[in-house]
Amino acid sequence: MVALMAFVCSLSACADDQLVTFAQLPVEAQNTVKQYFDEANIAFCTLDREFLGKEYKVQFNDGSEIKFEGDGSLHSVDCKFRAVPDALVPEIVRQQVKASFPQAVIVEWGKDDWGWKAELSNQLELKFNSKYQMSGIDD
């Protein structure tokens, strides 16, 4: 019982985000931020050590945030009220959104439990499978 409690406590201790510098992000994550966002607009960066890995988050002064896997690959990007940079969303997804919702833009894009999701400026949430085919809509 004592060992189980120690294990549970160690998991919760790892759940806290740790502040890190931009330079401590994986190189791929740094390059993504430099290419598509204003590095001067960064409010803070964090490292979240999870049981099976780690995740980095870059929070911007305008409320936007971008999350990266431990290796620096994109996990999700949330631009709040402005469009996610086109290059961060697969072309096939952008085409489907433009064809079905021509007045809307993608303001959030990222991994979901079973694939990917895109939140649009019209408040619709679109679900995509691992091959980027639309699999559902949530309003």
N, C-alpha and C. Protein backbone atom coordinates (compact mmCIF):
# COMPACT_ATOMS: atom_id res chain seq x y z
N MET A 1 0.83 -1.19 0.00
CA MET A 1 0.00 0.00 0.00
C MET A 1 0.88 1.26 0.00
N VAL A 2 1.93 1.24 0.79
CA VAL A 2 2.83 2.38 0.86
C VAL A 2 3.51 2.61 -0.50
N ALA A 3 3.90 1.53 -1.15
CA ALA A 3 4.54 1.64 -2.47
C ALA A 3 3.57 2.23 -3.49
N LEU A 4 2.31 1.81 -3.43
CA LEU A 4 1.30 2.34 -4.34
C LEU A 4 1.11 3.84 -4.11
N MET A 5 1.03 4.26 -2.88
CA MET A 5 0.87 5.68 -2.56
C MET A 5 2.08 6.49 -3.03
N ALA A 6 3.27 5.94 -2.86
CA ALA A 6 4.48 6.64 -3.33
C ALA A 6 4.46 6.79 -4.84
N PHE A 7 4.00 5.74 -5.53
CA PHE A 7 3.91 5.79 -7.00
C PHE A 7 2.91 6.85 -7.44
N VAL A 8 1.74 6.88 -6.81
CA VAL A 8 0.71 7.87 -7.16
C VAL A 8 1.22 9.29 -6.89
N CYS A 9 1.88 9.48 -5.79
CA CYS A 9 2.43 10.80 -5.46
C CYS A 9 3.49 11.22 -6.47
N SER A 10 4.30 10.27 -6.92
CA SER A 10 5.33 10.62 -7.90
C SER A 10 4.70 11.01 -9.23
N LEU A 11 3.58 10.39 -9.60
CA LEU A 11 2.89 10.76 -10.83
C LEU A 11 2.33 12.17 -10.73
N SER A 12 1.73 12.50 -9.62
CA SER A 12 1.15 13.83 -9.47
C SER A 12 2.25 14.89 -9.38
N ALA A 13 3.40 14.54 -8.87
CA ALA A 13 4.50 15.49 -8.81
C ALA A 13 5.00 15.82 -10.21
N CYS A 14 4.90 14.86 -11.12
CA CYS A 14 5.34 15.08 -12.51
C CYS A 14 4.31 15.84 -13.31
N ALA A 15 3.11 16.03 -12.78
CA ALA A 15 2.03 16.64 -13.54
C ALA A 15 2.17 18.15 -13.65
N ASP A 16 2.98 18.77 -12.80
CA ASP A 16 3.13 20.22 -12.84
C ASP A 16 3.97 20.63 -14.04
N ASP A 17 3.56 21.72 -14.67
CA ASP A 17 4.34 22.27 -15.77
C ASP A 17 5.56 22.98 -15.20
N GLN A 18 6.66 22.90 -15.94
CA GLN A 18 7.89 23.53 -15.54
C GLN A 18 8.21 24.63 -16.56
N LEU A 19 8.49 25.83 -16.09
CA LEU A 19 8.89 26.90 -17.00
C LEU A 19 10.24 26.57 -17.62
N VAL A 20 10.34 26.78 -18.93
CA VAL A 20 11.60 26.59 -19.64
C VAL A 20 11.83 27.80 -20.54
N THR A 21 13.03 27.96 -20.99
CA THR A 21 13.34 29.04 -21.92
C THR A 21 13.04 28.57 -23.34
N PHE A 22 12.91 29.52 -24.25
CA PHE A 22 12.68 29.18 -25.65
C PHE A 22 13.81 28.31 -26.17
N ALA A 23 15.02 28.58 -25.75
CA ALA A 23 16.19 27.82 -26.20
C ALA A 23 16.15 26.36 -25.73
N GLN A 24 15.37 26.06 -24.71
CA GLN A 24 15.27 24.69 -24.20
C GLN A 24 14.25 23.85 -24.97
N LEU A 25 13.48 24.47 -25.86
CA LEU A 25 12.55 23.71 -26.68
C LEU A 25 13.34 22.89 -27.70
N PRO A 26 12.78 21.77 -28.16
CA PRO A 26 13.45 21.03 -29.24
C PRO A 26 13.63 21.93 -30.46
N VAL A 27 14.67 21.69 -31.22
CA VAL A 27 15.01 22.53 -32.37
C VAL A 27 13.85 22.63 -33.36
N GLU A 28 13.16 21.52 -33.62
CA GLU A 28 12.02 21.56 -34.55
C GLU A 28 10.93 22.50 -34.05
N ALA A 29 10.67 22.50 -32.76
CA ALA A 29 9.67 23.41 -32.18
C ALA A 29 10.13 24.86 -32.30
N GLN A 30 11.39 25.12 -32.01
CA GLN A 30 11.92 26.48 -32.15
C GLN A 30 11.77 26.97 -33.58
N ASN A 31 12.10 26.11 -34.54
CA ASN A 31 12.01 26.50 -35.95
C ASN A 31 10.58 26.80 -36.36
N THR A 32 9.61 26.02 -35.88
CA THR A 32 8.20 26.26 -36.19
C THR A 32 7.76 27.61 -35.65
N VAL A 33 8.11 27.89 -34.41
CA VAL A 33 7.73 29.18 -33.82
C VAL A 33 8.37 30.33 -34.59
N LYS A 34 9.65 30.23 -34.88
CA LYS A 34 10.34 31.30 -35.60
C LYS A 34 9.75 31.53 -36.99
N GLN A 35 9.33 30.45 -37.64
CA GLN A 35 8.83 30.57 -39.01
C GLN A 35 7.41 31.12 -39.08
N TYR A 36 6.54 30.77 -38.12
CA TYR A 36 5.12 31.09 -38.25
C TYR A 36 4.57 32.05 -37.20
N PHE A 37 5.36 32.37 -36.19
CA PHE A 37 4.88 33.24 -35.12
C PHE A 37 5.94 34.29 -34.80
N ASP A 38 5.56 35.28 -34.02
CA ASP A 38 6.47 36.34 -33.61
C ASP A 38 7.14 35.92 -32.30
N GLU A 39 8.40 35.58 -32.38
CA GLU A 39 9.13 35.12 -31.20
C GLU A 39 9.12 36.17 -30.09
N ALA A 40 9.07 37.44 -30.47
CA ALA A 40 9.03 38.52 -29.47
C ALA A 40 7.71 38.56 -28.72
N ASN A 41 6.68 37.88 -29.23
CA ASN A 41 5.35 37.87 -28.62
C ASN A 41 5.18 36.70 -27.62
N ILE A 42 6.23 35.94 -27.36
CA ILE A 42 6.14 34.80 -26.44
C ILE A 42 6.00 35.30 -25.01
N ALA A 43 4.97 34.81 -24.32
CA ALA A 43 4.78 35.14 -22.90
C ALA A 43 5.61 34.19 -22.03
N PHE A 44 5.52 32.88 -22.33
CA PHE A 44 6.30 31.89 -21.59
C PHE A 44 6.26 30.55 -22.33
N CYS A 45 7.17 29.67 -21.94
CA CYS A 45 7.23 28.31 -22.47
C CYS A 45 7.23 27.35 -21.28
N THR A 46 6.57 26.21 -21.46
CA THR A 46 6.54 25.23 -20.37
C THR A 46 6.87 23.84 -20.90
N LEU A 47 7.30 23.00 -19.99
CA LEU A 47 7.53 21.58 -20.24
C LEU A 47 6.63 20.82 -19.29
N ASP A 48 5.82 19.92 -19.85
CA ASP A 48 4.94 19.08 -19.05
C ASP A 48 5.44 17.65 -19.18
N ARG A 49 6.02 17.13 -18.12
CA ARG A 49 6.49 15.74 -18.12
C ARG A 49 5.32 14.85 -17.77
N GLU A 50 4.93 14.03 -18.72
CA GLU A 50 3.82 13.12 -18.53
C GLU A 50 4.36 11.73 -18.29
N PHE A 51 3.51 10.83 -17.87
CA PHE A 51 3.92 9.46 -17.54
C PHE A 51 4.61 8.79 -18.72
N LEU A 52 4.09 8.99 -19.92
CA LEU A 52 4.64 8.31 -21.09
C LEU A 52 5.45 9.22 -22.00
N GLY A 53 5.77 10.41 -21.57
CA GLY A 53 6.54 11.32 -22.42
C GLY A 53 6.50 12.72 -21.89
N LYS A 54 6.73 13.66 -22.80
CA LYS A 54 6.67 15.06 -22.40
C LYS A 54 6.06 15.88 -23.51
N GLU A 55 5.59 17.07 -23.13
CA GLU A 55 4.95 17.98 -24.06
C GLU A 55 5.41 19.39 -23.72
N TYR A 56 5.69 20.16 -24.76
CA TYR A 56 6.08 21.55 -24.60
C TYR A 56 4.93 22.45 -25.02
N LYS A 57 4.80 23.60 -24.36
CA LYS A 57 3.78 24.57 -24.74
C LYS A 57 4.43 25.95 -24.81
N VAL A 58 4.08 26.68 -25.88
CA VAL A 58 4.51 28.06 -26.01
C VAL A 58 3.25 28.90 -25.95
N GLN A 59 3.18 29.79 -24.97
CA GLN A 59 2.04 30.68 -24.78
C GLN A 59 2.45 32.08 -25.24
N PHE A 60 1.60 32.70 -26.06
CA PHE A 60 1.89 34.02 -26.59
C PHE A 60 1.09 35.09 -25.85
N ASN A 61 1.55 36.30 -25.90
CA ASN A 61 0.90 37.42 -25.21
C ASN A 61 -0.52 37.67 -25.70
N ASP A 62 -0.83 37.31 -26.94
CA ASP A 62 -2.19 37.53 -27.47
C ASP A 62 -3.15 36.40 -27.13
N GLY A 63 -2.70 35.41 -26.34
CA GLY A 63 -3.54 34.30 -25.93
C GLY A 63 -3.36 33.05 -26.78
N SER A 64 -2.74 33.16 -27.93
CA SER A 64 -2.48 32.01 -28.78
C SER A 64 -1.51 31.06 -28.07
N GLU A 65 -1.61 29.79 -28.42
CA GLU A 65 -0.66 28.83 -27.87
C GLU A 65 -0.41 27.72 -28.88
N ILE A 66 0.77 27.15 -28.77
CA ILE A 66 1.14 26.04 -29.63
C ILE A 66 1.79 24.98 -28.74
N LYS A 67 1.40 23.73 -28.98
CA LYS A 67 1.94 22.62 -28.19
C LYS A 67 2.72 21.69 -29.10
N PHE A 68 3.80 21.15 -28.54
CA PHE A 68 4.67 20.25 -29.28
C PHE A 68 4.87 18.96 -28.51
N GLU A 69 5.06 17.88 -29.24
CA GLU A 69 5.43 16.60 -28.64
C GLU A 69 6.87 16.73 -28.12
N GLY A 70 7.33 15.76 -27.37
CA GLY A 70 8.67 15.80 -26.81
C GLY A 70 9.77 15.91 -27.85
N ASP A 71 9.51 15.40 -29.06
CA ASP A 71 10.50 15.47 -30.13
C ASP A 71 10.43 16.78 -30.92
N GLY A 72 9.48 17.65 -30.59
CA GLY A 72 9.35 18.93 -31.26
C GLY A 72 8.31 18.96 -32.37
N SER A 73 7.68 17.81 -32.65
CA SER A 73 6.64 17.80 -33.67
C SER A 73 5.37 18.45 -33.13
N LEU A 74 4.59 19.01 -34.04
CA LEU A 74 3.39 19.74 -33.67
C LEU A 74 2.34 18.82 -33.05
N HIS A 75 1.80 19.25 -31.92
CA HIS A 75 0.67 18.56 -31.30
C HIS A 75 -0.61 19.32 -31.57
N SER A 76 -0.58 20.63 -31.30
CA SER A 76 -1.77 21.46 -31.55
C SER A 76 -1.38 22.92 -31.58
N VAL A 77 -2.23 23.69 -32.24
CA VAL A 77 -2.04 25.13 -32.30
C VAL A 77 -3.41 25.79 -32.16
N ASP A 78 -3.50 26.78 -31.28
CA ASP A 78 -4.75 27.48 -31.02
C ASP A 78 -4.48 28.98 -31.17
N CYS A 79 -4.98 29.55 -32.25
CA CYS A 79 -4.76 30.98 -32.53
C CYS A 79 -5.93 31.84 -32.08
N LYS A 80 -6.83 31.28 -31.31
CA LYS A 80 -8.00 31.96 -30.75
C LYS A 80 -8.93 32.49 -31.83
N PHE A 81 -8.72 33.71 -32.29
CA PHE A 81 -9.66 34.34 -33.22
C PHE A 81 -9.07 34.62 -34.60
N ARG A 82 -7.84 34.24 -34.82
CA ARG A 82 -7.26 34.43 -36.14
C ARG A 82 -6.89 33.07 -36.73
N ALA A 83 -6.65 33.05 -38.02
CA ALA A 83 -6.39 31.80 -38.72
C ALA A 83 -5.05 31.18 -38.32
N VAL A 84 -5.06 29.87 -38.18
CA VAL A 84 -3.83 29.11 -38.00
C VAL A 84 -3.02 29.25 -39.29
N PRO A 85 -1.71 29.45 -39.21
CA PRO A 85 -0.92 29.53 -40.45
C PRO A 85 -1.16 28.31 -41.35
N ASP A 86 -1.41 28.58 -42.62
CA ASP A 86 -1.77 27.52 -43.57
C ASP A 86 -0.81 26.34 -43.55
N ALA A 87 0.47 26.59 -43.46
CA ALA A 87 1.46 25.52 -43.55
C ALA A 87 1.38 24.54 -42.38
N LEU A 88 0.70 24.91 -41.30
CA LEU A 88 0.59 24.01 -40.14
C LEU A 88 -0.61 23.07 -40.25
N VAL A 89 -1.45 23.27 -41.24
CA VAL A 89 -2.63 22.43 -41.46
C VAL A 89 -2.45 21.73 -42.81
N PRO A 90 -2.63 20.41 -42.86
CA PRO A 90 -2.47 19.70 -44.13
C PRO A 90 -3.37 20.29 -45.22
N GLU A 91 -2.85 20.35 -46.43
CA GLU A 91 -3.56 20.91 -47.58
C GLU A 91 -4.93 20.26 -47.77
N ILE A 92 -5.02 18.97 -47.63
CA ILE A 92 -6.30 18.26 -47.83
C ILE A 92 -7.35 18.75 -46.84
N VAL A 93 -6.95 19.06 -45.63
CA VAL A 93 -7.88 19.57 -44.61
C VAL A 93 -8.32 20.98 -44.99
N ARG A 94 -7.37 21.81 -45.38
CA ARG A 94 -7.71 23.18 -45.78
C ARG A 94 -8.69 23.19 -46.95
N GLN A 95 -8.49 22.29 -47.91
CA GLN A 95 -9.39 22.21 -49.06
C GLN A 95 -10.80 21.80 -48.64
N GLN A 96 -10.91 20.82 -47.75
CA GLN A 96 -12.22 20.37 -47.29
C GLN A 96 -12.95 21.48 -46.54
N VAL A 97 -12.23 22.21 -45.71
CA VAL A 97 -12.84 23.31 -44.95
C VAL A 97 -13.29 24.41 -45.90
N LYS A 98 -12.45 24.76 -46.86
CA LYS A 98 -12.80 25.83 -47.80
C LYS A 98 -14.01 25.44 -48.64
N ALA A 99 -14.09 24.18 -49.05
CA ALA A 99 -15.21 23.73 -49.88
C ALA A 99 -16.51 23.68 -49.09
N SER A 100 -16.46 23.25 -47.85
CA SER A 100 -17.67 23.08 -47.04
C SER A 100 -18.07 24.33 -46.26
N PHE A 101 -17.10 25.14 -45.88
CA PHE A 101 -17.36 26.32 -45.04
C PHE A 101 -16.53 27.49 -45.57
N PRO A 102 -16.88 28.02 -46.74
CA PRO A 102 -16.04 29.04 -47.39
C PRO A 102 -15.87 30.33 -46.60
N GLN A 103 -16.77 30.64 -45.71
CA GLN A 103 -16.67 31.89 -44.94
C GLN A 103 -15.87 31.72 -43.65
N ALA A 104 -15.48 30.50 -43.31
CA ALA A 104 -14.80 30.24 -42.04
C ALA A 104 -13.31 29.98 -42.25
N VAL A 105 -12.55 30.19 -41.19
CA VAL A 105 -11.13 29.85 -41.19
C VAL A 105 -10.86 28.93 -40.01
N ILE A 106 -9.77 28.19 -40.10
CA ILE A 106 -9.36 27.29 -39.01
C ILE A 106 -8.63 28.13 -37.98
N VAL A 107 -9.16 28.15 -36.75
CA VAL A 107 -8.53 28.92 -35.67
C VAL A 107 -7.81 28.01 -34.67
N GLU A 108 -8.10 26.70 -34.76
CA GLU A 108 -7.43 25.73 -33.89
C GLU A 108 -7.27 24.43 -34.66
N TRP A 109 -6.08 23.83 -34.55
CA TRP A 109 -5.80 22.58 -35.24
C TRP A 109 -4.93 21.72 -34.33
N GLY A 110 -5.25 20.43 -34.24
CA GLY A 110 -4.40 19.57 -33.42
C GLY A 110 -4.86 18.14 -33.34
N LYS A 111 -4.05 17.36 -32.65
CA LYS A 111 -4.34 15.95 -32.45
C LYS A 111 -5.52 15.80 -31.51
N ASP A 112 -6.30 14.77 -31.79
CA ASP A 112 -7.46 14.43 -30.98
C ASP A 112 -7.28 12.98 -30.54
N ASP A 113 -8.17 12.48 -29.74
CA ASP A 113 -8.05 11.11 -29.24
C ASP A 113 -7.91 10.08 -30.36
N TRP A 114 -8.65 10.24 -31.44
CA TRP A 114 -8.67 9.23 -32.50
C TRP A 114 -8.23 9.78 -33.85
N GLY A 115 -7.64 10.93 -33.89
CA GLY A 115 -7.23 11.52 -35.15
C GLY A 115 -6.84 12.97 -34.94
N TRP A 116 -7.56 13.84 -35.65
CA TRP A 116 -7.27 15.27 -35.63
C TRP A 116 -8.57 16.06 -35.48
N LYS A 117 -8.46 17.30 -35.06
CA LYS A 117 -9.64 18.16 -34.98
C LYS A 117 -9.28 19.56 -35.43
N ALA A 118 -10.26 20.23 -35.99
CA ALA A 118 -10.11 21.63 -36.40
C ALA A 118 -11.29 22.41 -35.86
N GLU A 119 -11.01 23.49 -35.18
CA GLU A 119 -12.08 24.38 -34.76
C GLU A 119 -12.09 25.56 -35.72
N LEU A 120 -13.29 25.90 -36.18
CA LEU A 120 -13.43 26.96 -37.16
C LEU A 120 -13.87 28.27 -36.51
N SER A 121 -13.71 29.34 -37.23
CA SER A 121 -14.11 30.66 -36.73
C SER A 121 -15.61 30.76 -36.54
N ASN A 122 -16.39 29.86 -37.14
CA ASN A 122 -17.85 29.85 -36.96
C ASN A 122 -18.27 28.94 -35.80
N GLN A 123 -17.32 28.53 -34.97
CA GLN A 123 -17.54 27.74 -33.76
C GLN A 123 -17.79 26.25 -34.02
N LEU A 124 -17.73 25.79 -35.25
CA LEU A 124 -17.86 24.36 -35.54
C LEU A 124 -16.53 23.67 -35.25
N GLU A 125 -16.63 22.44 -34.75
CA GLU A 125 -15.45 21.62 -34.55
C GLU A 125 -15.55 20.43 -35.49
N LEU A 126 -14.56 20.28 -36.34
CA LEU A 126 -14.54 19.21 -37.31
C LEU A 126 -13.56 18.13 -36.85
N LYS A 127 -13.95 16.88 -37.00
CA LYS A 127 -13.11 15.75 -36.64
C LYS A 127 -12.57 15.12 -37.92
N PHE A 128 -11.31 14.70 -37.88
CA PHE A 128 -10.66 14.06 -39.02
C PHE A 128 -9.99 12.78 -38.54
N ASN A 129 -9.99 11.77 -39.41
CA ASN A 129 -9.29 10.54 -39.06
C ASN A 129 -7.80 10.71 -39.32
N SER A 130 -7.04 9.65 -39.14
CA SER A 130 -5.59 9.73 -39.29
C SER A 130 -5.16 10.00 -40.73
N LYS A 131 -6.07 9.82 -41.68
CA LYS A 131 -5.77 10.09 -43.09
C LYS A 131 -6.32 11.45 -43.51
N TYR A 132 -6.74 12.25 -42.54
CA TYR A 132 -7.27 13.60 -42.73
C TYR A 132 -8.58 13.65 -43.50
N GLN A 133 -9.36 12.59 -43.40
CA GLN A 133 -10.70 12.59 -43.99
C GLN A 133 -11.67 13.02 -42.89
N MET A 134 -12.58 13.93 -43.24
CA MET A 134 -13.54 14.42 -42.24
C MET A 134 -14.41 13.26 -41.77
N SER A 135 -14.51 13.12 -40.46
CA SER A 135 -15.28 12.02 -39.89
C SER A 135 -16.41 12.47 -38.99
N GLY A 136 -16.55 13.78 -38.77
CA GLY A 136 -17.63 14.24 -37.93
C GLY A 136 -17.59 15.74 -37.70
N ILE A 137 -18.72 16.25 -37.25
CA ILE A 137 -18.87 17.67 -36.94
C ILE A 137 -19.52 17.80 -35.58
N ASP A 138 -19.00 18.72 -34.78
CA ASP A 138 -19.56 19.00 -33.47
C ASP A 138 -19.81 20.50 -33.40
N ASP A 139 -21.05 20.88 -33.08
CA ASP A 139 -21.33 22.32 -33.00
C ASP A 139 -21.49 22.79 -31.58
